[in-house]
N, C-alpha and C. Protein backbone atom coordinates (compact mmCIF):
# COMPACT_ATOMS: atom_id res chain seq x y z
N MET A 1 -6.12 55.65 83.27
CA MET A 1 -5.43 55.93 82.01
C MET A 1 -4.06 55.25 81.96
N ILE A 2 -3.32 55.29 83.07
CA ILE A 2 -1.98 54.69 83.08
C ILE A 2 -2.06 53.19 82.82
N TRP A 3 -3.03 52.54 83.46
CA TRP A 3 -3.14 51.09 83.27
C TRP A 3 -3.49 50.75 81.82
N TYR A 4 -4.25 51.63 81.17
CA TYR A 4 -4.61 51.37 79.77
C TYR A 4 -3.39 51.54 78.87
N VAL A 5 -2.57 52.53 79.15
CA VAL A 5 -1.34 52.71 78.39
C VAL A 5 -0.46 51.47 78.54
N LEU A 6 -0.40 50.92 79.74
CA LEU A 6 0.38 49.71 79.96
C LEU A 6 -0.21 48.52 79.20
N LEU A 7 -1.54 48.47 79.11
CA LEU A 7 -2.20 47.40 78.35
C LEU A 7 -1.83 47.49 76.87
N VAL A 8 -1.90 48.70 76.32
CA VAL A 8 -1.53 48.90 74.92
C VAL A 8 -0.05 48.56 74.71
N ALA A 9 0.79 48.93 75.66
CA ALA A 9 2.22 48.61 75.57
C ALA A 9 2.44 47.10 75.58
N ALA A 10 1.63 46.39 76.36
CA ALA A 10 1.75 44.93 76.40
C ALA A 10 1.38 44.32 75.06
N VAL A 11 0.35 44.86 74.41
CA VAL A 11 -0.03 44.38 73.08
C VAL A 11 1.09 44.69 72.08
N ALA A 12 1.71 45.86 72.21
CA ALA A 12 2.83 46.21 71.34
C ALA A 12 3.98 45.23 71.53
N ALA A 13 4.25 44.86 72.77
CA ALA A 13 5.32 43.89 73.04
C ALA A 13 4.99 42.54 72.42
N GLU A 14 3.71 42.18 72.46
CA GLU A 14 3.29 40.92 71.85
C GLU A 14 3.52 40.96 70.34
N ARG A 15 3.25 42.12 69.73
CA ARG A 15 3.47 42.27 68.29
C ARG A 15 4.96 42.12 67.96
N ILE A 16 5.81 42.66 68.79
CA ILE A 16 7.25 42.54 68.57
C ILE A 16 7.67 41.07 68.65
N ALA A 17 7.08 40.35 69.60
CA ALA A 17 7.37 38.92 69.72
C ALA A 17 6.94 38.18 68.45
N GLU A 18 5.81 38.59 67.88
CA GLU A 18 5.36 37.99 66.62
C GLU A 18 6.38 38.21 65.51
N LEU A 19 6.90 39.42 65.44
CA LEU A 19 7.87 39.74 64.40
C LEU A 19 9.15 38.92 64.54
N VAL A 20 9.55 38.68 65.79
CA VAL A 20 10.73 37.85 66.04
C VAL A 20 10.48 36.43 65.52
N VAL A 21 9.30 35.90 65.84
CA VAL A 21 8.94 34.55 65.37
C VAL A 21 8.86 34.52 63.85
N ALA A 22 8.25 35.57 63.27
CA ALA A 22 8.10 35.62 61.82
C ALA A 22 9.46 35.66 61.12
N ARG A 23 10.39 36.43 61.64
CA ARG A 23 11.72 36.51 61.03
C ARG A 23 12.42 35.14 61.09
N ARG A 24 12.31 34.48 62.21
CA ARG A 24 12.91 33.15 62.34
C ARG A 24 12.27 32.17 61.35
N ASN A 25 10.94 32.22 61.26
CA ASN A 25 10.24 31.33 60.34
C ASN A 25 10.55 31.65 58.88
N GLU A 26 10.77 32.93 58.60
CA GLU A 26 11.12 33.32 57.23
C GLU A 26 12.45 32.69 56.82
N ARG A 27 13.40 32.69 57.72
CA ARG A 27 14.70 32.06 57.41
C ARG A 27 14.51 30.56 57.14
N TRP A 28 13.65 29.93 57.94
CA TRP A 28 13.35 28.50 57.76
C TRP A 28 12.74 28.26 56.39
N SER A 29 11.78 29.11 56.00
CA SER A 29 11.09 28.95 54.72
C SER A 29 12.01 29.21 53.53
N MET A 30 12.79 30.28 53.61
CA MET A 30 13.66 30.62 52.49
C MET A 30 14.72 29.55 52.27
N ALA A 31 15.14 28.90 53.34
CA ALA A 31 16.12 27.82 53.21
C ALA A 31 15.53 26.62 52.48
N ARG A 32 14.22 26.57 52.35
CA ARG A 32 13.52 25.48 51.68
C ARG A 32 12.93 25.90 50.34
N GLY A 33 13.47 26.96 49.79
CA GLY A 33 13.07 27.37 48.45
C GLY A 33 11.79 28.18 48.38
N ALA A 34 11.43 28.88 49.45
CA ALA A 34 10.18 29.65 49.48
C ALA A 34 10.25 30.89 48.60
N THR A 35 9.08 31.37 48.20
CA THR A 35 8.96 32.64 47.49
C THR A 35 8.08 33.56 48.32
N VAL A 36 8.28 34.88 48.16
CA VAL A 36 7.54 35.87 48.94
C VAL A 36 6.65 36.67 48.00
N ALA A 37 5.40 36.90 48.42
CA ALA A 37 4.45 37.68 47.63
C ALA A 37 3.87 38.79 48.49
N GLY A 38 3.17 39.71 47.86
CA GLY A 38 2.44 40.74 48.60
C GLY A 38 3.29 41.77 49.31
N GLN A 39 4.48 42.02 48.80
CA GLN A 39 5.35 42.98 49.50
C GLN A 39 4.84 44.41 49.39
N GLY A 40 3.97 44.66 48.41
CA GLY A 40 3.44 46.00 48.25
C GLY A 40 2.49 46.40 49.36
N HIS A 41 1.65 45.47 49.83
CA HIS A 41 0.68 45.81 50.87
C HIS A 41 1.22 45.62 52.28
N TYR A 42 2.35 44.94 52.41
CA TYR A 42 2.86 44.64 53.75
C TYR A 42 3.18 45.90 54.57
N PRO A 43 3.86 46.92 54.00
CA PRO A 43 4.11 48.14 54.78
C PRO A 43 2.82 48.83 55.22
N VAL A 44 1.78 48.73 54.40
CA VAL A 44 0.49 49.32 54.77
C VAL A 44 -0.09 48.59 55.98
N MET A 45 0.06 47.27 55.99
CA MET A 45 -0.43 46.48 57.11
C MET A 45 0.31 46.85 58.40
N VAL A 46 1.62 47.00 58.31
CA VAL A 46 2.41 47.37 59.48
C VAL A 46 1.99 48.75 59.98
N ALA A 47 1.81 49.68 59.06
CA ALA A 47 1.41 51.04 59.44
C ALA A 47 0.02 51.05 60.09
N LEU A 48 -0.90 50.26 59.56
CA LEU A 48 -2.25 50.21 60.10
C LEU A 48 -2.26 49.66 61.53
N HIS A 49 -1.53 48.61 61.76
CA HIS A 49 -1.51 48.00 63.09
C HIS A 49 -0.75 48.87 64.09
N THR A 50 0.28 49.55 63.62
CA THR A 50 0.99 50.49 64.49
C THR A 50 0.08 51.67 64.82
N GLY A 51 -0.65 52.13 63.82
CA GLY A 51 -1.59 53.23 64.03
C GLY A 51 -2.69 52.88 65.01
N LEU A 52 -3.12 51.63 65.01
CA LEU A 52 -4.15 51.20 65.96
C LEU A 52 -3.68 51.42 67.39
N LEU A 53 -2.47 51.02 67.69
CA LEU A 53 -1.95 51.15 69.05
C LEU A 53 -1.82 52.63 69.45
N ALA A 54 -1.28 53.43 68.54
CA ALA A 54 -1.12 54.86 68.84
C ALA A 54 -2.47 55.55 68.99
N ALA A 55 -3.41 55.20 68.13
CA ALA A 55 -4.73 55.85 68.16
C ALA A 55 -5.51 55.49 69.42
N CYS A 56 -5.33 54.29 69.92
CA CYS A 56 -6.02 53.89 71.16
C CYS A 56 -5.66 54.85 72.29
N VAL A 57 -4.38 55.07 72.47
CA VAL A 57 -3.91 55.95 73.54
C VAL A 57 -4.32 57.39 73.27
N ALA A 58 -4.16 57.84 72.01
CA ALA A 58 -4.45 59.23 71.67
C ALA A 58 -5.93 59.56 71.88
N GLU A 59 -6.80 58.67 71.44
CA GLU A 59 -8.24 58.96 71.58
C GLU A 59 -8.68 58.99 73.04
N VAL A 60 -8.17 58.06 73.82
CA VAL A 60 -8.54 58.04 75.24
C VAL A 60 -8.02 59.29 75.95
N TRP A 61 -6.82 59.68 75.63
CA TRP A 61 -6.20 60.84 76.28
C TRP A 61 -6.81 62.16 75.80
N LEU A 62 -6.81 62.36 74.48
CA LEU A 62 -7.28 63.63 73.94
C LEU A 62 -8.81 63.74 73.95
N GLY A 63 -9.47 62.62 73.79
CA GLY A 63 -10.93 62.65 73.75
C GLY A 63 -11.59 62.46 75.10
N GLY A 64 -10.78 62.20 76.12
CA GLY A 64 -11.34 62.02 77.45
C GLY A 64 -12.28 60.83 77.55
N ARG A 65 -11.97 59.76 76.83
CA ARG A 65 -12.84 58.57 76.86
C ARG A 65 -12.77 57.89 78.23
N PRO A 66 -13.91 57.61 78.82
CA PRO A 66 -13.92 57.00 80.15
C PRO A 66 -13.81 55.48 80.08
N PHE A 67 -13.49 54.89 81.20
CA PHE A 67 -13.56 53.44 81.32
C PHE A 67 -14.93 53.09 81.87
N LEU A 68 -15.70 52.35 81.09
CA LEU A 68 -17.03 51.92 81.51
C LEU A 68 -16.98 50.42 81.79
N PRO A 69 -17.05 50.03 83.05
CA PRO A 69 -16.89 48.61 83.39
C PRO A 69 -17.79 47.66 82.59
N ALA A 70 -19.03 48.08 82.31
CA ALA A 70 -19.96 47.21 81.60
C ALA A 70 -19.47 46.90 80.18
N LEU A 71 -18.69 47.80 79.62
CA LEU A 71 -18.12 47.60 78.29
C LEU A 71 -16.66 47.17 78.37
N GLY A 72 -15.91 47.81 79.24
CA GLY A 72 -14.47 47.58 79.31
C GLY A 72 -14.07 46.17 79.68
N TRP A 73 -14.71 45.61 80.69
CA TRP A 73 -14.31 44.27 81.12
C TRP A 73 -14.64 43.19 80.09
N PRO A 74 -15.83 43.20 79.48
CA PRO A 74 -16.08 42.21 78.41
C PRO A 74 -15.10 42.36 77.25
N MET A 75 -14.76 43.61 76.89
CA MET A 75 -13.81 43.81 75.80
C MET A 75 -12.42 43.32 76.18
N ALA A 76 -12.06 43.47 77.44
CA ALA A 76 -10.77 42.96 77.90
C ALA A 76 -10.72 41.44 77.77
N ALA A 77 -11.86 40.80 78.07
CA ALA A 77 -11.93 39.34 77.93
C ALA A 77 -11.80 38.93 76.47
N VAL A 78 -12.44 39.68 75.56
CA VAL A 78 -12.33 39.40 74.13
C VAL A 78 -10.88 39.57 73.67
N LEU A 79 -10.21 40.60 74.18
CA LEU A 79 -8.82 40.87 73.82
C LEU A 79 -7.92 39.71 74.22
N VAL A 80 -8.11 39.22 75.42
CA VAL A 80 -7.31 38.09 75.90
C VAL A 80 -7.58 36.84 75.05
N ALA A 81 -8.86 36.62 74.74
CA ALA A 81 -9.22 35.47 73.91
C ALA A 81 -8.60 35.57 72.52
N ALA A 82 -8.55 36.80 71.97
CA ALA A 82 -7.96 37.00 70.65
C ALA A 82 -6.47 36.66 70.65
N GLN A 83 -5.77 37.05 71.72
CA GLN A 83 -4.35 36.72 71.80
C GLN A 83 -4.16 35.21 71.91
N GLY A 84 -5.03 34.57 72.67
CA GLY A 84 -4.94 33.12 72.79
C GLY A 84 -5.15 32.42 71.46
N LEU A 85 -6.14 32.90 70.69
CA LEU A 85 -6.41 32.30 69.38
C LEU A 85 -5.24 32.53 68.43
N ARG A 86 -4.67 33.74 68.45
CA ARG A 86 -3.54 34.04 67.57
C ARG A 86 -2.36 33.11 67.84
N TRP A 87 -2.01 32.93 69.12
CA TRP A 87 -0.87 32.08 69.42
C TRP A 87 -1.18 30.61 69.26
N TRP A 88 -2.45 30.26 69.30
CA TRP A 88 -2.84 28.89 68.95
C TRP A 88 -2.56 28.65 67.47
N CYS A 89 -2.89 29.63 66.64
CA CYS A 89 -2.59 29.55 65.21
C CYS A 89 -1.09 29.43 64.97
N ILE A 90 -0.33 30.27 65.65
CA ILE A 90 1.12 30.26 65.49
C ILE A 90 1.70 28.91 65.89
N GLY A 91 1.22 28.38 67.01
CA GLY A 91 1.70 27.08 67.47
C GLY A 91 1.32 25.95 66.54
N THR A 92 0.12 26.04 65.97
CA THR A 92 -0.35 24.98 65.08
C THR A 92 0.42 24.97 63.76
N LEU A 93 0.65 26.16 63.19
CA LEU A 93 1.36 26.24 61.91
C LEU A 93 2.87 26.08 62.06
N GLY A 94 3.38 26.29 63.26
CA GLY A 94 4.81 26.13 63.49
C GLY A 94 5.63 27.04 62.60
N PRO A 95 6.69 26.54 61.97
CA PRO A 95 7.57 27.38 61.16
C PRO A 95 6.91 27.90 59.88
N ARG A 96 5.71 27.43 59.57
CA ARG A 96 5.01 27.92 58.38
C ARG A 96 4.34 29.27 58.62
N TRP A 97 4.13 29.61 59.88
CA TRP A 97 3.44 30.87 60.18
C TRP A 97 4.36 32.06 59.89
N ASN A 98 3.77 33.12 59.37
CA ASN A 98 4.55 34.33 59.14
C ASN A 98 3.64 35.52 59.00
N THR A 99 4.16 36.71 59.19
CA THR A 99 3.39 37.92 58.97
C THR A 99 3.38 38.30 57.50
N ARG A 100 4.26 37.68 56.73
CA ARG A 100 4.32 37.90 55.29
C ARG A 100 3.68 36.73 54.56
N VAL A 101 3.44 36.92 53.26
CA VAL A 101 2.93 35.82 52.44
C VAL A 101 4.13 35.09 51.85
N ILE A 102 4.40 33.93 52.41
CA ILE A 102 5.58 33.16 52.00
C ILE A 102 5.14 31.75 51.62
N VAL A 103 5.52 31.30 50.45
CA VAL A 103 5.11 29.99 49.96
C VAL A 103 6.30 29.04 49.88
N VAL A 104 6.15 27.91 50.57
CA VAL A 104 7.18 26.86 50.52
C VAL A 104 6.59 25.66 49.79
N PRO A 105 7.23 25.17 48.75
CA PRO A 105 6.70 24.03 47.99
C PRO A 105 6.83 22.71 48.75
N GLY A 106 5.88 21.83 48.49
CA GLY A 106 5.98 20.46 48.96
C GLY A 106 5.59 20.16 50.39
N LEU A 107 4.88 21.08 51.05
CA LEU A 107 4.51 20.83 52.45
C LEU A 107 3.10 20.24 52.55
N PRO A 108 2.87 19.36 53.53
CA PRO A 108 1.54 18.73 53.70
C PRO A 108 0.52 19.70 54.31
N LEU A 109 -0.72 19.34 54.20
CA LEU A 109 -1.82 20.14 54.73
C LEU A 109 -1.83 20.16 56.26
N VAL A 110 -2.07 21.31 56.84
CA VAL A 110 -2.25 21.45 58.28
C VAL A 110 -3.74 21.45 58.56
N GLN A 111 -4.22 20.51 59.34
CA GLN A 111 -5.64 20.39 59.62
C GLN A 111 -5.96 20.42 61.12
N GLY A 112 -4.94 20.64 61.93
CA GLY A 112 -5.15 20.60 63.36
C GLY A 112 -5.48 21.95 63.97
N GLY A 113 -5.55 21.99 65.29
CA GLY A 113 -5.79 23.23 66.03
C GLY A 113 -7.05 23.93 65.59
N PRO A 114 -7.02 25.27 65.54
CA PRO A 114 -8.22 26.04 65.19
C PRO A 114 -8.65 25.86 63.75
N TYR A 115 -7.76 25.32 62.90
CA TYR A 115 -8.09 25.13 61.49
C TYR A 115 -9.08 23.99 61.28
N ARG A 116 -9.37 23.25 62.33
CA ARG A 116 -10.42 22.23 62.23
C ARG A 116 -11.80 22.86 62.14
N TRP A 117 -11.93 24.04 62.75
CA TRP A 117 -13.25 24.65 62.86
C TRP A 117 -13.39 25.99 62.14
N LEU A 118 -12.31 26.70 61.96
CA LEU A 118 -12.37 28.04 61.35
C LEU A 118 -11.53 28.08 60.09
N LEU A 119 -12.04 28.78 59.07
CA LEU A 119 -11.30 28.90 57.82
C LEU A 119 -10.11 29.83 57.97
N HIS A 120 -10.33 30.96 58.69
CA HIS A 120 -9.26 31.94 58.87
C HIS A 120 -9.17 32.37 60.33
N PRO A 121 -8.74 31.49 61.20
CA PRO A 121 -8.74 31.81 62.63
C PRO A 121 -7.85 32.99 63.01
N ASN A 122 -6.72 33.17 62.32
CA ASN A 122 -5.86 34.28 62.68
C ASN A 122 -6.50 35.62 62.34
N TYR A 123 -7.24 35.64 61.23
CA TYR A 123 -7.93 36.88 60.87
C TYR A 123 -9.06 37.18 61.85
N VAL A 124 -9.67 36.12 62.34
CA VAL A 124 -10.70 36.31 63.37
C VAL A 124 -10.08 37.00 64.58
N ALA A 125 -8.89 36.57 64.96
CA ALA A 125 -8.19 37.17 66.10
C ALA A 125 -7.86 38.64 65.83
N VAL A 126 -7.42 38.93 64.61
CA VAL A 126 -7.07 40.31 64.25
C VAL A 126 -8.29 41.22 64.33
N VAL A 127 -9.40 40.77 63.77
CA VAL A 127 -10.62 41.56 63.77
C VAL A 127 -11.12 41.79 65.20
N ALA A 128 -11.11 40.72 66.00
CA ALA A 128 -11.57 40.84 67.38
C ALA A 128 -10.70 41.80 68.19
N GLU A 129 -9.40 41.71 68.01
CA GLU A 129 -8.48 42.59 68.72
C GLU A 129 -8.69 44.05 68.31
N GLY A 130 -8.91 44.27 67.02
CA GLY A 130 -9.09 45.62 66.52
C GLY A 130 -10.33 46.31 67.06
N VAL A 131 -11.31 45.53 67.44
CA VAL A 131 -12.51 46.08 68.06
C VAL A 131 -12.34 46.19 69.57
N ALA A 132 -11.82 45.13 70.18
CA ALA A 132 -11.78 45.05 71.64
C ALA A 132 -10.79 45.99 72.29
N LEU A 133 -9.57 46.09 71.75
CA LEU A 133 -8.56 46.92 72.39
C LEU A 133 -9.01 48.38 72.54
N PRO A 134 -9.54 49.03 71.51
CA PRO A 134 -10.01 50.40 71.70
C PRO A 134 -11.20 50.50 72.66
N LEU A 135 -12.13 49.54 72.55
CA LEU A 135 -13.35 49.64 73.34
C LEU A 135 -13.15 49.29 74.81
N VAL A 136 -11.99 48.75 75.16
CA VAL A 136 -11.69 48.56 76.59
C VAL A 136 -11.83 49.89 77.31
N HIS A 137 -11.44 50.98 76.61
CA HIS A 137 -11.54 52.32 77.22
C HIS A 137 -12.41 53.24 76.37
N THR A 138 -13.44 52.64 75.73
CA THR A 138 -14.46 53.35 74.93
C THR A 138 -13.90 54.22 73.82
N ALA A 139 -12.78 53.83 73.22
CA ALA A 139 -12.25 54.57 72.07
C ALA A 139 -12.98 54.07 70.82
N TRP A 140 -14.24 54.40 70.71
CA TRP A 140 -15.09 53.87 69.65
C TRP A 140 -14.68 54.34 68.26
N LEU A 141 -14.17 55.55 68.15
CA LEU A 141 -13.77 56.06 66.84
C LEU A 141 -12.60 55.26 66.28
N THR A 142 -11.64 54.94 67.13
CA THR A 142 -10.50 54.13 66.70
C THR A 142 -10.96 52.74 66.27
N ALA A 143 -11.87 52.17 67.04
CA ALA A 143 -12.39 50.84 66.70
C ALA A 143 -13.08 50.86 65.35
N LEU A 144 -13.85 51.90 65.09
CA LEU A 144 -14.60 51.99 63.84
C LEU A 144 -13.66 52.18 62.64
N VAL A 145 -12.75 53.14 62.76
CA VAL A 145 -11.84 53.43 61.64
C VAL A 145 -10.95 52.23 61.34
N PHE A 146 -10.40 51.61 62.38
CA PHE A 146 -9.53 50.45 62.16
C PHE A 146 -10.30 49.32 61.48
N THR A 147 -11.52 49.06 61.95
CA THR A 147 -12.31 47.97 61.38
C THR A 147 -12.55 48.17 59.89
N VAL A 148 -12.89 49.40 59.50
CA VAL A 148 -13.15 49.68 58.09
C VAL A 148 -11.88 49.52 57.25
N LEU A 149 -10.78 50.12 57.71
CA LEU A 149 -9.53 50.04 56.97
C LEU A 149 -8.98 48.62 56.94
N ASN A 150 -9.14 47.90 58.03
CA ASN A 150 -8.65 46.54 58.10
C ASN A 150 -9.43 45.62 57.16
N ALA A 151 -10.73 45.88 57.03
CA ALA A 151 -11.54 45.09 56.11
C ALA A 151 -11.04 45.26 54.68
N ALA A 152 -10.70 46.50 54.31
CA ALA A 152 -10.17 46.75 52.97
C ALA A 152 -8.82 46.06 52.79
N LEU A 153 -7.98 46.13 53.81
CA LEU A 153 -6.66 45.51 53.73
C LEU A 153 -6.76 44.00 53.63
N LEU A 154 -7.64 43.40 54.40
CA LEU A 154 -7.80 41.94 54.35
C LEU A 154 -8.29 41.48 52.99
N THR A 155 -9.11 42.29 52.35
CA THR A 155 -9.57 41.95 51.01
C THR A 155 -8.38 41.83 50.06
N VAL A 156 -7.46 42.79 50.16
CA VAL A 156 -6.26 42.77 49.31
C VAL A 156 -5.37 41.60 49.68
N ARG A 157 -5.20 41.39 50.97
CA ARG A 157 -4.27 40.36 51.42
C ARG A 157 -4.75 38.96 51.06
N ILE A 158 -6.02 38.71 51.26
CA ILE A 158 -6.56 37.38 50.95
C ILE A 158 -6.47 37.12 49.46
N ARG A 159 -6.75 38.15 48.65
CA ARG A 159 -6.62 38.00 47.20
C ARG A 159 -5.17 37.70 46.83
N CYS A 160 -4.24 38.36 47.51
CA CYS A 160 -2.82 38.13 47.25
C CYS A 160 -2.43 36.70 47.58
N GLU A 161 -2.89 36.23 48.70
CA GLU A 161 -2.55 34.87 49.12
C GLU A 161 -3.12 33.85 48.16
N ASN A 162 -4.37 34.05 47.75
CA ASN A 162 -4.99 33.13 46.80
C ASN A 162 -4.24 33.11 45.47
N THR A 163 -3.86 34.29 45.01
CA THR A 163 -3.13 34.39 43.75
C THR A 163 -1.76 33.72 43.85
N ALA A 164 -1.11 33.91 44.99
CA ALA A 164 0.22 33.32 45.18
C ALA A 164 0.16 31.80 45.10
N LEU A 165 -0.84 31.23 45.73
CA LEU A 165 -0.96 29.77 45.70
C LEU A 165 -1.42 29.28 44.35
N ALA A 166 -2.37 29.99 43.74
CA ALA A 166 -2.86 29.58 42.43
C ALA A 166 -1.73 29.67 41.39
N GLY A 167 -0.94 30.71 41.50
CA GLY A 167 0.15 30.90 40.56
C GLY A 167 1.26 29.89 40.71
N SER A 168 1.27 29.23 41.86
CA SER A 168 2.33 28.25 42.08
C SER A 168 1.87 26.85 41.72
N GLY A 169 0.65 26.78 41.15
CA GLY A 169 0.17 25.47 40.72
C GLY A 169 -0.77 24.84 41.70
N THR A 170 -1.13 25.55 42.80
CA THR A 170 -2.07 24.99 43.75
C THR A 170 -3.48 25.41 43.37
N ALA A 171 -4.48 24.72 43.93
CA ALA A 171 -5.86 25.05 43.61
C ALA A 171 -6.70 25.04 44.85
N GLY A 172 -7.95 25.47 44.72
CA GLY A 172 -8.84 25.45 45.88
C GLY A 172 -8.31 26.31 46.98
N VAL A 173 -8.12 27.59 46.71
CA VAL A 173 -7.49 28.49 47.66
C VAL A 173 -8.43 28.94 48.75
N GLY A 174 -7.99 28.87 49.97
CA GLY A 174 -8.74 29.39 51.10
C GLY A 174 -7.84 30.38 51.78
N THR A 175 -8.37 31.29 52.59
CA THR A 175 -7.49 32.28 53.20
C THR A 175 -7.64 32.34 54.69
N ALA A 176 -6.65 33.04 55.28
CA ALA A 176 -6.73 33.23 56.72
C ALA A 176 -6.07 34.52 57.10
N GLY A 177 -3.53 36.73 59.79
CA GLY A 177 -2.17 38.27 60.20
C GLY A 177 -2.69 38.44 60.57
N PRO A 178 0.90 41.09 61.96
CA PRO A 178 0.68 41.68 62.65
C PRO A 178 0.29 41.82 63.22
N GLY A 179 0.90 42.02 62.42
CA GLY A 179 0.69 41.35 62.68
C GLY A 179 0.63 41.92 62.98
N ALA A 180 0.83 42.08 61.85
CA ALA A 180 0.19 42.86 61.57
C ALA A 180 0.24 42.09 61.33
N ALA A 181 -1.49 40.81 61.03
CA ALA A 181 -1.87 41.12 61.37
C ALA A 181 -1.88 41.70 60.96
N GLY A 182 -1.69 40.69 61.52
CA GLY A 182 -1.98 40.22 61.55
C GLY A 182 -1.78 40.48 61.95
N ALA A 183 -2.67 39.77 59.50
CA ALA A 183 -2.99 40.20 60.94
C ALA A 183 -2.14 39.58 60.68
N GLY A 184 -4.27 39.16 60.18
CA GLY A 184 -3.60 39.30 60.00
C GLY A 184 -3.41 39.34 60.29
N THR A 185 -3.20 40.03 61.25
CA THR A 185 -1.48 40.14 61.89
C THR A 185 -2.58 40.01 61.07
N ALA A 186 -2.43 40.23 61.63
CA ALA A 186 -1.15 39.75 61.73
C ALA A 186 -1.57 39.86 61.62
N GLU A 187 -1.42 38.63 60.82
CA GLU A 187 -0.70 37.73 60.97
C GLU A 187 -1.23 36.66 60.27
N SER A 188 -1.06 35.53 59.48
CA SER A 188 -1.78 34.83 58.46
C SER A 188 -0.99 33.71 57.86
N GLY A 189 -1.59 32.65 57.74
CA GLY A 189 -0.96 31.56 57.07
C GLY A 189 -2.03 30.93 56.24
N VAL A 190 -1.64 30.22 55.23
CA VAL A 190 -2.64 29.57 54.40
C VAL A 190 -2.33 28.11 54.30
N THR A 191 -3.33 27.30 54.50
CA THR A 191 -3.12 25.87 54.35
C THR A 191 -4.10 25.35 53.31
N GLY A 192 -3.62 24.51 52.44
CA GLY A 192 -4.48 24.01 51.38
C GLY A 192 -4.37 22.51 51.27
N PRO A 193 -5.47 21.81 50.96
CA PRO A 193 -5.47 20.37 50.85
C PRO A 193 -4.95 19.86 49.52
N GLY A 194 -4.72 18.60 49.44
CA GLY A 194 -4.18 17.92 48.28
C GLY A 194 -4.47 18.50 46.93
N ALA A 195 -5.71 18.64 46.54
CA ALA A 195 -5.99 19.24 45.25
C ALA A 195 -7.40 19.79 45.24
N ALA A 196 -7.76 20.54 46.24
CA ALA A 196 -9.12 21.05 46.30
C ALA A 196 -9.22 22.31 47.10
N GLY A 197 -10.46 22.83 47.24
CA GLY A 197 -10.61 24.14 47.84
C GLY A 197 -10.96 24.18 49.30
N THR A 198 -10.13 23.71 50.18
CA THR A 198 -10.43 23.83 51.60
C THR A 198 -9.25 24.38 52.35
N GLY A 199 -8.60 25.34 51.81
CA GLY A 199 -7.41 25.91 52.45
C GLY A 199 -7.79 26.81 53.60
N THR A 200 -6.89 27.03 54.53
CA THR A 200 -7.12 28.01 55.58
C THR A 200 -6.00 29.01 55.54
N ALA A 201 -6.21 30.18 56.17
CA ALA A 201 -5.15 31.16 56.14
C ALA A 201 -4.99 31.81 57.47
N GLU A 202 -4.00 32.63 57.55
CA GLU A 202 -3.58 33.33 58.73
C GLU A 202 -2.14 32.96 58.99
N SER A 203 -1.29 33.93 58.82
CA SER A 203 0.09 33.80 59.19
C SER A 203 0.78 32.61 58.62
N GLY A 204 0.94 32.54 57.37
CA GLY A 204 1.67 31.46 56.81
C GLY A 204 0.70 30.67 56.02
N VAL A 205 1.01 30.32 54.79
CA VAL A 205 0.10 29.53 54.01
C VAL A 205 0.75 28.22 53.68
N ALA A 206 0.05 27.16 53.95
CA ALA A 206 0.61 25.87 53.62
C ALA A 206 -0.34 25.14 52.72
N GLY A 207 0.11 24.67 51.58
CA GLY A 207 -0.77 23.97 50.67
C GLY A 207 -0.15 22.66 50.28
N ALA A 208 -0.97 21.60 50.21
CA ALA A 208 -0.43 20.32 49.86
C ALA A 208 -0.77 19.95 48.44
N GLY A 209 0.11 19.18 47.79
CA GLY A 209 -0.11 18.69 46.44
C GLY A 209 -0.49 19.78 45.48
N ALA A 210 -1.74 20.26 45.51
CA ALA A 210 -2.16 21.33 44.62
C ALA A 210 -3.34 22.04 45.22
N ALA A 211 -3.15 22.82 46.30
CA ALA A 211 -4.29 23.46 46.91
C ALA A 211 -3.98 24.56 47.88
N GLY A 212 -5.04 25.15 48.48
CA GLY A 212 -4.96 25.98 49.65
C GLY A 212 -4.58 27.44 49.50
N ALA A 213 -4.89 28.22 50.52
CA ALA A 213 -4.41 29.59 50.59
C ALA A 213 -4.70 30.26 51.90
N GLY A 214 -4.14 31.40 52.28
CA GLY A 214 -4.44 32.04 53.51
C GLY A 214 -3.90 33.32 54.09
N THR A 215 -3.24 34.53 55.83
CA THR A 215 -3.76 35.70 56.62
C THR A 215 -2.94 36.93 56.73
N ALA A 216 -3.61 37.81 57.32
CA ALA A 216 -3.03 39.10 57.55
C ALA A 216 -2.06 38.94 58.68
N GLU A 217 -0.95 39.40 58.53
CA GLU A 217 0.06 39.09 59.48
C GLU A 217 0.46 37.71 59.10
N SER A 218 1.18 37.36 58.12
CA SER A 218 1.16 36.03 57.67
C SER A 218 2.33 35.55 56.90
N GLY A 219 2.24 34.35 56.49
CA GLY A 219 3.22 33.81 55.61
C GLY A 219 2.45 32.76 54.90
N VAL A 220 2.85 32.40 53.73
CA VAL A 220 2.11 31.40 53.01
C VAL A 220 3.05 30.28 52.61
N THR A 221 2.65 29.09 52.94
CA THR A 221 3.45 27.96 52.50
C THR A 221 2.59 27.07 51.64
N GLY A 222 3.06 26.79 50.46
CA GLY A 222 2.26 26.00 49.54
C GLY A 222 3.05 24.81 49.07
N SER A 223 2.31 23.74 48.74
CA SER A 223 2.99 22.56 48.30
C SER A 223 3.13 22.52 46.80
N GLY A 224 3.93 21.61 46.33
CA GLY A 224 4.10 21.46 44.91
C GLY A 224 4.88 22.63 44.36
N ALA A 225 4.30 23.76 44.30
CA ALA A 225 5.01 24.93 43.82
C ALA A 225 4.28 26.16 44.32
N ALA A 226 4.32 26.46 45.52
CA ALA A 226 3.50 27.50 45.99
C ALA A 226 3.99 28.80 46.59
N GLY A 227 2.56 30.39 47.87
CA GLY A 227 2.50 31.74 48.25
C GLY A 227 2.05 32.61 49.15
N ASP A 228 1.58 34.74 51.01
CA ASP A 228 1.59 35.80 52.05
C ASP A 228 0.36 36.20 52.78
N VAL A 229 0.71 37.49 54.31
CA VAL A 229 -0.45 38.20 54.80
C VAL A 229 -0.03 39.45 55.31
N THR A 230 -1.08 39.84 58.95
CA THR A 230 -1.39 40.32 59.39
C THR A 230 -1.30 41.36 58.95
N ALA A 231 -2.39 42.63 60.78
CA ALA A 231 -2.69 43.48 61.02
C ALA A 231 -2.50 43.60 61.31
């Protein structure tokens, strides 16, 4: 039980690191004329991701959930992979990544890193983490409840990101966050191509010319005149 509490604490520390990066990136974006969208759902995202961490510990402790190696170790591997994917997204998007939906006009399309293969890689990380972290210690109820609530939140967040980019004159919106986490997060960024629909999202949205959208735990950067996310 103690080692699991330390594991959850480590994930919490990682989330704090995300927020530090997001705040720094927000200053970078605002200095370039960015706009912020989705402020209504952002506190809900923060509360949901904070609740995930607390519920993991509470269910294991109060419910007497055991550690089952056949389940726990594979889930631990998924958890580590999810963190790697999230920080790959953050590194790829650079200062465009954010846990909020933030749109910066005039930025080029990001096509590198995980965005070559996945539409919303940061959201993939958020979903995987939300399942894996509780199931490391068989907290199945927490995994189930978080997954359902997170699905509803991502629906709102992705719609927000698409609207933000479309409203700024971009087209072909794609999505990707707490980072909440983003996810989300986080954590979430959106990237959109010149003038078509192949944007990606998760922690920051970047759209070129007239396109794109994107994640939970996020920020959105759009080109021309563009718009948020994590879990």
